[in-house]
Amino acid sequence: MIHLYFIRHGQTQWNSEKKLQGRTNIPLNQQGREQISSYKLPVKLQQLQWFSSPLLRARETAELLPVNAATENQLIEMNWGSWEGKTLQQLRSDDPEDFARLEAQGIDLQPPEGESPRLVGERVSAWAEQLQALNNSDQLGCVSHKGVIRAVYALAANWDMQHKAPHKLDFHCAQHFCFDGGNWSIGELNIKLS
């Protein structure tokens, strides 16, 4: 079994504007830099081997934590395709019926030219299987994105994303998930960082 501790990147300008970022490479804004700089990693997280999404906002977050994180492409944010740069409100108002139909797909919602949360979870699961096979360390830290964390959480909690989540995730906290034999489970949610 391996234990992965996920931390979401700090705020960006697009986060403050409620825009879907996906793979658009937006840096942290001043508030995001201040937010991450205020975090105090628990001792158990300071000792971990760390990985980071290749996107600038995640790499900046890793530097500010500070952790020495290797770049890992499998931790990149969900690809929101042609929806990137738009808000959910815009998408809902553009075509309410079609968007409601897509949202009802939950974990299988796949934006045009993008990927679904299920595909994100499968991508991260394949990476976790590789890590488990290498058996270098069973405790790892990941600086990543809300879409990635929600996808892993959905698999761990057996949540279809069609109904309210079984737990409320605080994205200013670390989320601990366990991976063993192709299956995710919840280790500990909402580990305080301040």
N, C-alpha and C. Protein backbone atom coordinates (compact mmCIF):
# COMPACT_ATOMS: atom_id res chain seq x y z
N MET A 1 0.85 -1.19 0.00
CA MET A 1 0.00 0.00 0.00
C MET A 1 0.89 1.24 0.00
N ILE A 2 0.48 2.23 -0.79
CA ILE A 2 1.17 3.52 -0.74
C ILE A 2 0.20 4.59 -0.27
N HIS A 3 0.76 5.59 0.38
CA HIS A 3 0.00 6.70 0.94
C HIS A 3 0.38 7.96 0.17
N LEU A 4 -0.62 8.62 -0.42
CA LEU A 4 -0.37 9.85 -1.16
C LEU A 4 -1.10 11.00 -0.49
N TYR A 5 -0.35 12.07 -0.25
CA TYR A 5 -0.88 13.28 0.39
C TYR A 5 -0.95 14.36 -0.68
N PHE A 6 -2.16 14.80 -0.99
CA PHE A 6 -2.36 15.79 -2.05
C PHE A 6 -2.58 17.18 -1.45
N ILE A 7 -1.91 18.17 -2.04
CA ILE A 7 -2.14 19.57 -1.71
C ILE A 7 -2.47 20.29 -3.01
N ARG A 8 -3.52 21.08 -2.97
CA ARG A 8 -3.91 21.86 -4.14
C ARG A 8 -3.04 23.12 -4.21
N HIS A 9 -2.76 23.54 -5.44
CA HIS A 9 -2.02 24.78 -5.66
C HIS A 9 -2.76 25.98 -5.08
N GLY A 10 -2.04 27.09 -4.90
CA GLY A 10 -2.65 28.33 -4.42
C GLY A 10 -3.49 29.02 -5.48
N GLN A 11 -4.12 30.09 -5.07
CA GLN A 11 -5.05 30.82 -5.94
C GLN A 11 -4.34 31.48 -7.13
N THR A 12 -5.03 31.48 -8.26
CA THR A 12 -4.59 32.20 -9.46
C THR A 12 -5.65 33.26 -9.79
N GLN A 13 -5.33 34.11 -10.74
CA GLN A 13 -6.31 35.10 -11.18
C GLN A 13 -7.57 34.43 -11.71
N TRP A 14 -7.38 33.36 -12.49
CA TRP A 14 -8.55 32.66 -13.03
C TRP A 14 -9.37 32.01 -11.92
N ASN A 15 -8.73 31.51 -10.86
CA ASN A 15 -9.51 30.99 -9.72
C ASN A 15 -10.40 32.08 -9.16
N SER A 16 -9.82 33.27 -8.98
CA SER A 16 -10.59 34.37 -8.38
C SER A 16 -11.74 34.80 -9.29
N GLU A 17 -11.61 34.56 -10.60
CA GLU A 17 -12.66 34.89 -11.56
C GLU A 17 -13.58 33.69 -11.83
N LYS A 18 -13.34 32.58 -11.13
CA LYS A 18 -14.14 31.35 -11.25
C LYS A 18 -14.09 30.73 -12.65
N LYS A 19 -12.96 30.93 -13.34
CA LYS A 19 -12.79 30.35 -14.68
C LYS A 19 -12.20 28.95 -14.57
N LEU A 20 -12.63 28.07 -15.47
CA LEU A 20 -12.05 26.74 -15.55
C LEU A 20 -10.66 26.87 -16.16
N GLN A 21 -9.63 26.45 -15.42
CA GLN A 21 -8.25 26.60 -15.91
C GLN A 21 -7.79 25.40 -16.71
N GLY A 22 -8.08 24.22 -16.19
CA GLY A 22 -7.59 23.03 -16.86
C GLY A 22 -6.09 23.09 -17.04
N ARG A 23 -5.66 22.92 -18.27
CA ARG A 23 -4.22 22.87 -18.56
C ARG A 23 -3.65 24.21 -18.98
N THR A 24 -4.48 25.26 -18.96
CA THR A 24 -3.97 26.60 -19.24
C THR A 24 -2.98 26.95 -18.13
N ASN A 25 -1.81 27.42 -18.51
CA ASN A 25 -0.70 27.57 -17.57
C ASN A 25 -0.71 28.94 -16.91
N ILE A 26 -1.54 29.10 -15.89
CA ILE A 26 -1.73 30.37 -15.18
C ILE A 26 -0.88 30.35 -13.90
N PRO A 27 -0.12 31.43 -13.62
CA PRO A 27 0.67 31.47 -12.38
C PRO A 27 -0.20 31.81 -11.18
N LEU A 28 0.37 31.64 -9.99
CA LEU A 28 -0.29 32.08 -8.77
C LEU A 28 -0.43 33.59 -8.78
N ASN A 29 -1.50 34.11 -8.18
CA ASN A 29 -1.60 35.56 -7.99
C ASN A 29 -1.02 35.88 -6.61
N GLN A 30 -1.02 37.16 -6.25
CA GLN A 30 -0.43 37.56 -4.97
C GLN A 30 -1.11 36.88 -3.80
N GLN A 31 -2.43 36.81 -3.84
CA GLN A 31 -3.15 36.14 -2.75
C GLN A 31 -2.76 34.67 -2.66
N GLY A 32 -2.59 34.02 -3.80
CA GLY A 32 -2.18 32.62 -3.81
C GLY A 32 -0.79 32.42 -3.23
N ARG A 33 0.14 33.33 -3.57
CA ARG A 33 1.49 33.24 -3.01
C ARG A 33 1.48 33.44 -1.50
N GLU A 34 0.69 34.42 -1.04
CA GLU A 34 0.59 34.66 0.41
C GLU A 34 -0.05 33.48 1.13
N GLN A 35 -1.08 32.93 0.51
CA GLN A 35 -1.79 31.79 1.09
C GLN A 35 -0.83 30.62 1.29
N ILE A 36 -0.10 30.25 0.26
CA ILE A 36 0.80 29.10 0.35
C ILE A 36 1.96 29.39 1.31
N SER A 37 2.46 30.61 1.29
CA SER A 37 3.56 30.98 2.20
C SER A 37 3.15 30.88 3.66
N SER A 38 1.85 30.98 3.94
CA SER A 38 1.37 30.90 5.33
C SER A 38 1.22 29.46 5.81
N TYR A 39 1.26 28.49 4.89
CA TYR A 39 1.10 27.09 5.28
C TYR A 39 2.29 26.62 6.10
N LYS A 40 2.00 25.77 7.06
CA LYS A 40 3.02 25.09 7.87
C LYS A 40 2.77 23.60 7.71
N LEU A 41 3.64 22.94 6.97
CA LEU A 41 3.45 21.51 6.76
C LEU A 41 3.65 20.74 8.06
N PRO A 42 2.75 19.82 8.38
CA PRO A 42 2.99 18.94 9.53
C PRO A 42 4.31 18.18 9.31
N VAL A 43 4.96 17.83 10.39
CA VAL A 43 6.27 17.16 10.31
C VAL A 43 6.21 15.94 9.41
N LYS A 44 5.14 15.14 9.54
CA LYS A 44 5.05 13.91 8.73
C LYS A 44 5.03 14.23 7.23
N LEU A 45 4.53 15.39 6.84
CA LEU A 45 4.51 15.76 5.42
C LEU A 45 5.84 16.35 4.98
N GLN A 46 6.58 16.94 5.89
CA GLN A 46 7.88 17.52 5.54
C GLN A 46 8.87 16.44 5.11
N GLN A 47 8.71 15.23 5.62
CA GLN A 47 9.66 14.14 5.37
C GLN A 47 9.37 13.36 4.09
N LEU A 48 8.31 13.69 3.39
CA LEU A 48 7.90 12.90 2.22
C LEU A 48 8.74 13.19 0.99
N GLN A 49 8.73 12.23 0.07
CA GLN A 49 9.20 12.47 -1.29
C GLN A 49 8.03 13.16 -2.00
N TRP A 50 8.32 14.28 -2.70
CA TRP A 50 7.26 15.09 -3.29
C TRP A 50 7.29 15.07 -4.80
N PHE A 51 6.08 15.19 -5.38
CA PHE A 51 5.91 15.32 -6.82
C PHE A 51 4.98 16.51 -7.06
N SER A 52 5.12 17.11 -8.24
CA SER A 52 4.28 18.26 -8.60
C SER A 52 3.80 18.13 -10.03
N SER A 53 2.60 18.60 -10.26
CA SER A 53 2.10 18.79 -11.62
C SER A 53 3.09 19.69 -12.36
N PRO A 54 3.20 19.55 -13.68
CA PRO A 54 4.11 20.41 -14.43
C PRO A 54 3.61 21.84 -14.62
N LEU A 55 2.35 22.11 -14.29
CA LEU A 55 1.82 23.45 -14.51
C LEU A 55 2.43 24.44 -13.51
N LEU A 56 2.63 25.66 -13.99
CA LEU A 56 3.33 26.69 -13.23
C LEU A 56 2.74 26.91 -11.84
N ARG A 57 1.42 26.96 -11.72
CA ARG A 57 0.80 27.24 -10.43
C ARG A 57 1.13 26.16 -9.40
N ALA A 58 1.26 24.91 -9.84
CA ALA A 58 1.62 23.83 -8.92
C ALA A 58 3.11 23.89 -8.57
N ARG A 59 3.95 24.15 -9.56
CA ARG A 59 5.39 24.23 -9.30
C ARG A 59 5.71 25.40 -8.37
N GLU A 60 5.03 26.55 -8.57
CA GLU A 60 5.22 27.69 -7.67
C GLU A 60 4.78 27.33 -6.25
N THR A 61 3.69 26.60 -6.14
CA THR A 61 3.20 26.17 -4.83
C THR A 61 4.24 25.29 -4.13
N ALA A 62 4.80 24.33 -4.86
CA ALA A 62 5.82 23.45 -4.28
C ALA A 62 7.01 24.26 -3.78
N GLU A 63 7.44 25.25 -4.55
CA GLU A 63 8.57 26.08 -4.14
C GLU A 63 8.26 26.88 -2.88
N LEU A 64 7.02 27.35 -2.76
CA LEU A 64 6.65 28.17 -1.60
C LEU A 64 6.37 27.35 -0.34
N LEU A 65 6.11 26.06 -0.48
CA LEU A 65 5.75 25.26 0.71
C LEU A 65 6.86 25.20 1.76
N PRO A 66 8.11 25.12 1.59
CA PRO A 66 8.82 24.68 0.39
C PRO A 66 9.07 23.17 0.44
N VAL A 67 8.89 22.52 -0.71
CA VAL A 67 9.26 21.11 -0.84
C VAL A 67 10.02 20.94 -2.15
N ASN A 68 10.92 20.00 -2.16
CA ASN A 68 11.69 19.69 -3.36
C ASN A 68 10.90 18.65 -4.14
N ALA A 69 10.15 19.11 -5.13
CA ALA A 69 9.22 18.22 -5.84
C ALA A 69 9.70 17.92 -7.25
N ALA A 70 9.69 16.65 -7.60
CA ALA A 70 9.95 16.23 -8.97
C ALA A 70 8.69 16.48 -9.79
N THR A 71 8.85 16.90 -11.02
CA THR A 71 7.70 17.13 -11.90
C THR A 71 7.13 15.80 -12.36
N GLU A 72 5.82 15.67 -12.26
CA GLU A 72 5.13 14.45 -12.68
C GLU A 72 3.93 14.82 -13.55
N ASN A 73 4.02 14.46 -14.84
CA ASN A 73 2.97 14.81 -15.80
C ASN A 73 1.61 14.21 -15.46
N GLN A 74 1.58 13.08 -14.78
CA GLN A 74 0.30 12.44 -14.47
C GLN A 74 -0.52 13.21 -13.44
N LEU A 75 0.10 14.20 -12.79
CA LEU A 75 -0.61 15.02 -11.80
C LEU A 75 -1.19 16.30 -12.40
N ILE A 76 -1.07 16.45 -13.72
CA ILE A 76 -1.59 17.65 -14.39
C ILE A 76 -3.11 17.72 -14.23
N GLU A 77 -3.63 18.94 -14.25
CA GLU A 77 -5.07 19.15 -14.06
C GLU A 77 -5.89 18.47 -15.17
N MET A 78 -7.14 18.22 -14.85
CA MET A 78 -8.10 17.70 -15.82
C MET A 78 -8.13 18.62 -17.03
N ASN A 79 -8.18 18.03 -18.20
CA ASN A 79 -8.26 18.79 -19.44
C ASN A 79 -9.73 19.18 -19.66
N TRP A 80 -9.99 20.49 -19.52
CA TRP A 80 -11.35 20.99 -19.70
C TRP A 80 -11.65 21.33 -21.16
N GLY A 81 -10.74 21.03 -22.07
CA GLY A 81 -10.99 21.19 -23.49
C GLY A 81 -11.45 22.58 -23.86
N SER A 82 -12.51 22.65 -24.66
CA SER A 82 -13.00 23.94 -25.15
C SER A 82 -13.68 24.77 -24.06
N TRP A 83 -13.85 24.21 -22.87
CA TRP A 83 -14.45 24.96 -21.77
C TRP A 83 -13.43 25.80 -21.00
N GLU A 84 -12.14 25.56 -21.22
CA GLU A 84 -11.12 26.31 -20.47
C GLU A 84 -11.26 27.80 -20.73
N GLY A 85 -11.13 28.57 -19.66
CA GLY A 85 -11.26 30.03 -19.75
C GLY A 85 -12.68 30.52 -19.56
N LYS A 86 -13.62 29.59 -19.44
CA LYS A 86 -15.03 29.96 -19.23
C LYS A 86 -15.42 29.64 -17.79
N THR A 87 -16.49 30.27 -17.33
CA THR A 87 -17.03 29.94 -16.01
C THR A 87 -18.17 28.94 -16.17
N LEU A 88 -18.47 28.23 -15.09
CA LEU A 88 -19.62 27.32 -15.13
C LEU A 88 -20.91 28.09 -15.39
N GLN A 89 -21.00 29.29 -14.86
CA GLN A 89 -22.18 30.13 -15.09
C GLN A 89 -22.34 30.42 -16.58
N GLN A 90 -21.24 30.75 -17.26
CA GLN A 90 -21.30 30.99 -18.71
C GLN A 90 -21.78 29.74 -19.44
N LEU A 91 -21.20 28.60 -19.10
CA LEU A 91 -21.55 27.36 -19.78
C LEU A 91 -23.02 27.00 -19.55
N ARG A 92 -23.49 27.21 -18.33
CA ARG A 92 -24.90 26.92 -18.04
C ARG A 92 -25.84 27.85 -18.80
N SER A 93 -25.45 29.11 -18.95
CA SER A 93 -26.34 30.06 -19.64
C SER A 93 -26.26 29.92 -21.16
N ASP A 94 -25.13 29.45 -21.70
CA ASP A 94 -25.00 29.28 -23.15
C ASP A 94 -25.99 28.26 -23.69
N ASP A 95 -26.13 27.13 -23.02
CA ASP A 95 -27.04 26.07 -23.46
C ASP A 95 -27.48 25.28 -22.22
N PRO A 96 -28.46 25.82 -21.48
CA PRO A 96 -28.84 25.21 -20.20
C PRO A 96 -29.21 23.73 -20.28
N GLU A 97 -29.97 23.35 -21.29
CA GLU A 97 -30.41 21.95 -21.38
C GLU A 97 -29.26 21.01 -21.66
N ASP A 98 -28.41 21.37 -22.61
CA ASP A 98 -27.28 20.52 -22.96
C ASP A 98 -26.30 20.42 -21.79
N PHE A 99 -26.06 21.55 -21.11
CA PHE A 99 -25.11 21.52 -20.01
C PHE A 99 -25.66 20.69 -18.85
N ALA A 100 -26.95 20.79 -18.58
CA ALA A 100 -27.57 19.98 -17.52
C ALA A 100 -27.44 18.49 -17.85
N ARG A 101 -27.62 18.15 -19.12
CA ARG A 101 -27.47 16.74 -19.55
C ARG A 101 -26.03 16.26 -19.31
N LEU A 102 -25.06 17.11 -19.65
CA LEU A 102 -23.66 16.75 -19.45
C LEU A 102 -23.32 16.63 -17.96
N GLU A 103 -23.78 17.60 -17.16
CA GLU A 103 -23.50 17.57 -15.72
C GLU A 103 -24.07 16.31 -15.06
N ALA A 104 -25.20 15.83 -15.56
CA ALA A 104 -25.83 14.64 -15.00
C ALA A 104 -24.97 13.39 -15.19
N GLN A 105 -23.97 13.47 -16.04
CA GLN A 105 -23.08 12.33 -16.27
C GLN A 105 -22.08 12.14 -15.12
N GLY A 106 -21.98 13.14 -14.24
CA GLY A 106 -21.13 13.02 -13.05
C GLY A 106 -19.69 12.73 -13.39
N ILE A 107 -19.18 11.62 -12.87
CA ILE A 107 -17.78 11.27 -13.05
C ILE A 107 -17.42 11.02 -14.51
N ASP A 108 -18.41 10.82 -15.35
CA ASP A 108 -18.17 10.59 -16.78
C ASP A 108 -18.39 11.83 -17.63
N LEU A 109 -18.63 12.98 -16.99
CA LEU A 109 -18.77 14.24 -17.73
C LEU A 109 -17.47 14.52 -18.46
N GLN A 110 -17.54 14.64 -19.78
CA GLN A 110 -16.34 14.90 -20.57
C GLN A 110 -16.58 16.13 -21.45
N PRO A 111 -15.90 17.24 -21.13
CA PRO A 111 -16.05 18.44 -21.94
C PRO A 111 -15.58 18.18 -23.38
N PRO A 112 -16.10 18.92 -24.35
CA PRO A 112 -15.62 18.77 -25.73
C PRO A 112 -14.10 18.96 -25.77
N GLU A 113 -13.41 17.99 -26.38
CA GLU A 113 -11.95 18.00 -26.52
C GLU A 113 -11.23 17.88 -25.18
N GLY A 114 -11.93 17.43 -24.14
CA GLY A 114 -11.33 17.32 -22.81
C GLY A 114 -11.37 15.90 -22.29
N GLU A 115 -11.22 15.77 -20.97
CA GLU A 115 -11.26 14.45 -20.34
C GLU A 115 -12.22 14.49 -19.15
N SER A 116 -12.74 13.34 -18.82
CA SER A 116 -13.69 13.22 -17.70
C SER A 116 -12.93 13.01 -16.39
N PRO A 117 -13.60 13.25 -15.26
CA PRO A 117 -12.97 12.92 -13.98
C PRO A 117 -12.58 11.44 -13.89
N ARG A 118 -13.38 10.56 -14.49
CA ARG A 118 -13.02 9.13 -14.47
C ARG A 118 -11.69 8.91 -15.18
N LEU A 119 -11.49 9.57 -16.33
CA LEU A 119 -10.22 9.43 -17.05
C LEU A 119 -9.06 9.99 -16.24
N VAL A 120 -9.29 11.09 -15.53
CA VAL A 120 -8.26 11.66 -14.66
C VAL A 120 -7.90 10.64 -13.58
N GLY A 121 -8.91 10.07 -12.94
CA GLY A 121 -8.67 9.06 -11.91
C GLY A 121 -7.91 7.86 -12.44
N GLU A 122 -8.24 7.42 -13.65
CA GLU A 122 -7.53 6.29 -14.25
C GLU A 122 -6.07 6.65 -14.52
N ARG A 123 -5.84 7.88 -14.97
CA ARG A 123 -4.47 8.35 -15.23
C ARG A 123 -3.64 8.34 -13.95
N VAL A 124 -4.20 8.90 -12.88
CA VAL A 124 -3.47 8.95 -11.60
C VAL A 124 -3.33 7.54 -11.02
N SER A 125 -4.32 6.69 -11.21
CA SER A 125 -4.23 5.31 -10.72
C SER A 125 -3.11 4.55 -11.42
N ALA A 126 -2.96 4.74 -12.73
CA ALA A 126 -1.88 4.07 -13.46
C ALA A 126 -0.52 4.52 -12.93
N TRP A 127 -0.39 5.81 -12.62
CA TRP A 127 0.85 6.32 -12.04
C TRP A 127 1.09 5.71 -10.66
N ALA A 128 0.04 5.64 -9.84
CA ALA A 128 0.17 5.06 -8.50
C ALA A 128 0.57 3.59 -8.58
N GLU A 129 0.05 2.87 -9.57
CA GLU A 129 0.45 1.47 -9.75
C GLU A 129 1.93 1.37 -10.06
N GLN A 130 2.43 2.28 -10.91
CA GLN A 130 3.87 2.30 -11.21
C GLN A 130 4.68 2.57 -9.95
N LEU A 131 4.24 3.54 -9.16
CA LEU A 131 4.93 3.86 -7.91
C LEU A 131 4.96 2.66 -6.97
N GLN A 132 3.82 1.98 -6.88
CA GLN A 132 3.74 0.83 -5.99
C GLN A 132 4.67 -0.29 -6.47
N ALA A 133 4.77 -0.47 -7.78
CA ALA A 133 5.65 -1.51 -8.33
C ALA A 133 7.12 -1.18 -8.07
N LEU A 134 7.48 0.11 -8.11
CA LEU A 134 8.86 0.51 -7.86
C LEU A 134 9.23 0.32 -6.40
N ASN A 135 8.25 0.48 -5.51
CA ASN A 135 8.42 0.25 -4.08
C ASN A 135 9.57 1.07 -3.47
N ASN A 136 9.81 2.29 -4.00
CA ASN A 136 10.85 3.15 -3.44
C ASN A 136 10.42 3.75 -2.11
N SER A 137 9.20 4.21 -2.04
CA SER A 137 8.68 4.83 -0.82
C SER A 137 7.18 4.59 -0.78
N ASP A 138 6.66 4.42 0.43
CA ASP A 138 5.22 4.20 0.52
C ASP A 138 4.49 5.44 1.03
N GLN A 139 5.21 6.56 1.20
CA GLN A 139 4.61 7.82 1.66
C GLN A 139 5.06 8.92 0.71
N LEU A 140 4.12 9.49 -0.04
CA LEU A 140 4.46 10.47 -1.06
C LEU A 140 3.57 11.70 -0.97
N GLY A 141 4.12 12.85 -1.33
CA GLY A 141 3.36 14.09 -1.39
C GLY A 141 3.16 14.51 -2.83
N CYS A 142 2.01 15.11 -3.11
CA CYS A 142 1.67 15.54 -4.46
C CYS A 142 1.10 16.94 -4.43
N VAL A 143 1.70 17.86 -5.19
CA VAL A 143 1.13 19.19 -5.37
C VAL A 143 0.39 19.14 -6.69
N SER A 144 -0.91 19.32 -6.63
CA SER A 144 -1.71 19.09 -7.82
C SER A 144 -2.88 20.08 -7.90
N HIS A 145 -4.02 19.60 -8.34
CA HIS A 145 -5.15 20.45 -8.72
C HIS A 145 -6.46 19.91 -8.16
N LYS A 146 -7.44 20.79 -8.07
CA LYS A 146 -8.75 20.42 -7.55
C LYS A 146 -9.37 19.27 -8.35
N GLY A 147 -9.28 19.34 -9.67
CA GLY A 147 -9.86 18.29 -10.51
C GLY A 147 -9.23 16.93 -10.26
N VAL A 148 -7.92 16.91 -10.06
CA VAL A 148 -7.21 15.66 -9.78
C VAL A 148 -7.61 15.13 -8.40
N ILE A 149 -7.60 16.01 -7.41
CA ILE A 149 -7.94 15.59 -6.05
C ILE A 149 -9.38 15.08 -5.98
N ARG A 150 -10.30 15.78 -6.65
CA ARG A 150 -11.70 15.33 -6.66
C ARG A 150 -11.85 13.98 -7.36
N ALA A 151 -11.09 13.77 -8.43
CA ALA A 151 -11.17 12.49 -9.16
C ALA A 151 -10.69 11.34 -8.29
N VAL A 152 -9.56 11.54 -7.59
CA VAL A 152 -9.05 10.50 -6.69
C VAL A 152 -10.03 10.29 -5.54
N TYR A 153 -10.53 11.38 -4.99
CA TYR A 153 -11.52 11.28 -3.90
C TYR A 153 -12.75 10.49 -4.37
N ALA A 154 -13.23 10.76 -5.58
CA ALA A 154 -14.41 10.06 -6.10
C ALA A 154 -14.16 8.56 -6.14
N LEU A 155 -12.97 8.16 -6.56
CA LEU A 155 -12.66 6.73 -6.59
C LEU A 155 -12.55 6.16 -5.18
N ALA A 156 -11.92 6.90 -4.28
CA ALA A 156 -11.74 6.42 -2.90
C ALA A 156 -13.06 6.33 -2.14
N ALA A 157 -13.96 7.27 -2.40
CA ALA A 157 -15.24 7.33 -1.68
C ALA A 157 -16.37 6.64 -2.44
N ASN A 158 -16.04 6.08 -3.61
CA ASN A 158 -17.06 5.47 -4.47
C ASN A 158 -18.19 6.46 -4.75
N TRP A 159 -17.79 7.67 -5.10
CA TRP A 159 -18.72 8.77 -5.37
C TRP A 159 -18.88 8.95 -6.87
N ASP A 160 -20.10 8.95 -7.35
CA ASP A 160 -20.36 9.05 -8.79
C ASP A 160 -20.40 10.49 -9.30
N MET A 161 -20.24 11.45 -8.41
CA MET A 161 -20.28 12.88 -8.74
C MET A 161 -21.63 13.33 -9.28
N GLN A 162 -22.65 12.51 -9.13
CA GLN A 162 -23.99 12.89 -9.55
C GLN A 162 -24.81 13.43 -8.38
N HIS A 163 -24.35 13.19 -7.20
CA HIS A 163 -25.02 13.63 -5.98
C HIS A 163 -24.01 14.35 -5.11
N LYS A 164 -24.48 14.87 -4.01
CA LYS A 164 -23.60 15.56 -3.07
C LYS A 164 -22.48 14.62 -2.61
N ALA A 165 -21.27 15.16 -2.49
CA ALA A 165 -20.14 14.36 -2.04
C ALA A 165 -20.36 13.88 -0.61
N PRO A 166 -19.89 12.67 -0.28
CA PRO A 166 -20.06 12.15 1.08
C PRO A 166 -19.33 12.97 2.15
N HIS A 167 -18.26 13.67 1.76
CA HIS A 167 -17.48 14.50 2.69
C HIS A 167 -17.23 15.85 2.02
N LYS A 168 -17.00 16.86 2.83
CA LYS A 168 -16.63 18.17 2.29
C LYS A 168 -15.11 18.29 2.33
N LEU A 169 -14.51 18.46 1.16
CA LEU A 169 -13.07 18.63 1.08
C LEU A 169 -12.72 20.10 1.24
N ASP A 170 -11.76 20.39 2.09
CA ASP A 170 -11.23 21.74 2.26
C ASP A 170 -9.95 21.80 1.44
N PHE A 171 -9.96 22.59 0.38
CA PHE A 171 -8.82 22.62 -0.53
C PHE A 171 -7.69 23.50 -0.03
N HIS A 172 -7.78 23.96 1.22
CA HIS A 172 -6.67 24.63 1.89
C HIS A 172 -6.01 23.68 2.88
N CYS A 173 -6.33 22.41 2.73
CA CYS A 173 -5.79 21.35 3.58
C CYS A 173 -5.19 20.27 2.69
N ALA A 174 -4.42 19.38 3.31
CA ALA A 174 -3.91 18.20 2.58
C ALA A 174 -4.96 17.09 2.65
N GLN A 175 -4.98 16.27 1.61
CA GLN A 175 -5.90 15.14 1.55
C GLN A 175 -5.05 13.87 1.41
N HIS A 176 -5.28 12.91 2.29
CA HIS A 176 -4.49 11.68 2.32
C HIS A 176 -5.33 10.53 1.77
N PHE A 177 -4.81 9.92 0.70
CA PHE A 177 -5.46 8.76 0.10
C PHE A 177 -4.48 7.59 0.08
N CYS A 178 -5.02 6.39 0.15
CA CYS A 178 -4.21 5.17 0.10
C CYS A 178 -4.52 4.43 -1.20
N PHE A 179 -3.50 3.83 -1.77
CA PHE A 179 -3.67 3.08 -3.01
C PHE A 179 -3.05 1.71 -2.82
N ASP A 180 -3.82 0.68 -3.13
CA ASP A 180 -3.32 -0.68 -2.99
C ASP A 180 -4.03 -1.59 -3.98
N GLY A 181 -3.25 -2.27 -4.79
CA GLY A 181 -3.81 -3.26 -5.72
C GLY A 181 -4.86 -2.70 -6.65
N GLY A 182 -4.68 -1.46 -7.10
CA GLY A 182 -5.61 -0.86 -8.04
C GLY A 182 -6.79 -0.16 -7.40
N ASN A 183 -6.84 -0.14 -6.08
CA ASN A 183 -7.98 0.47 -5.38
C ASN A 183 -7.54 1.62 -4.49
N TRP A 184 -8.38 2.66 -4.45
CA TRP A 184 -8.15 3.82 -3.60
C TRP A 184 -9.01 3.73 -2.35
N SER A 185 -8.50 4.26 -1.26
CA SER A 185 -9.30 4.44 -0.04
C SER A 185 -8.89 5.76 0.60
N ILE A 186 -9.73 6.23 1.49
CA ILE A 186 -9.45 7.49 2.18
C ILE A 186 -8.57 7.19 3.38
N GLY A 187 -7.47 7.94 3.48
CA GLY A 187 -6.62 7.85 4.66
C GLY A 187 -7.09 8.84 5.71
N GLU A 188 -6.97 10.12 5.38
CA GLU A 188 -7.41 11.20 6.27
C GLU A 188 -7.71 12.42 5.40
N LEU A 189 -8.83 13.03 5.65
CA LEU A 189 -9.22 14.21 4.88
C LEU A 189 -8.98 15.48 5.69
N ASN A 190 -8.71 16.55 4.97
CA ASN A 190 -8.63 17.90 5.55
C ASN A 190 -7.58 18.03 6.65
N ILE A 191 -6.36 17.61 6.33
CA ILE A 191 -5.23 17.75 7.26
C ILE A 191 -4.81 19.21 7.25
N LYS A 192 -4.87 19.86 8.40
CA LYS A 192 -4.60 21.30 8.51
C LYS A 192 -3.16 21.63 8.10
N LEU A 193 -3.02 22.75 7.41
CA LEU A 193 -1.71 23.22 6.96
C LEU A 193 -1.33 24.54 7.60
N SER A 194 -2.10 24.99 8.58
CA SER A 194 -1.75 26.25 9.24
C SER A 194 -2.03 26.18 10.73
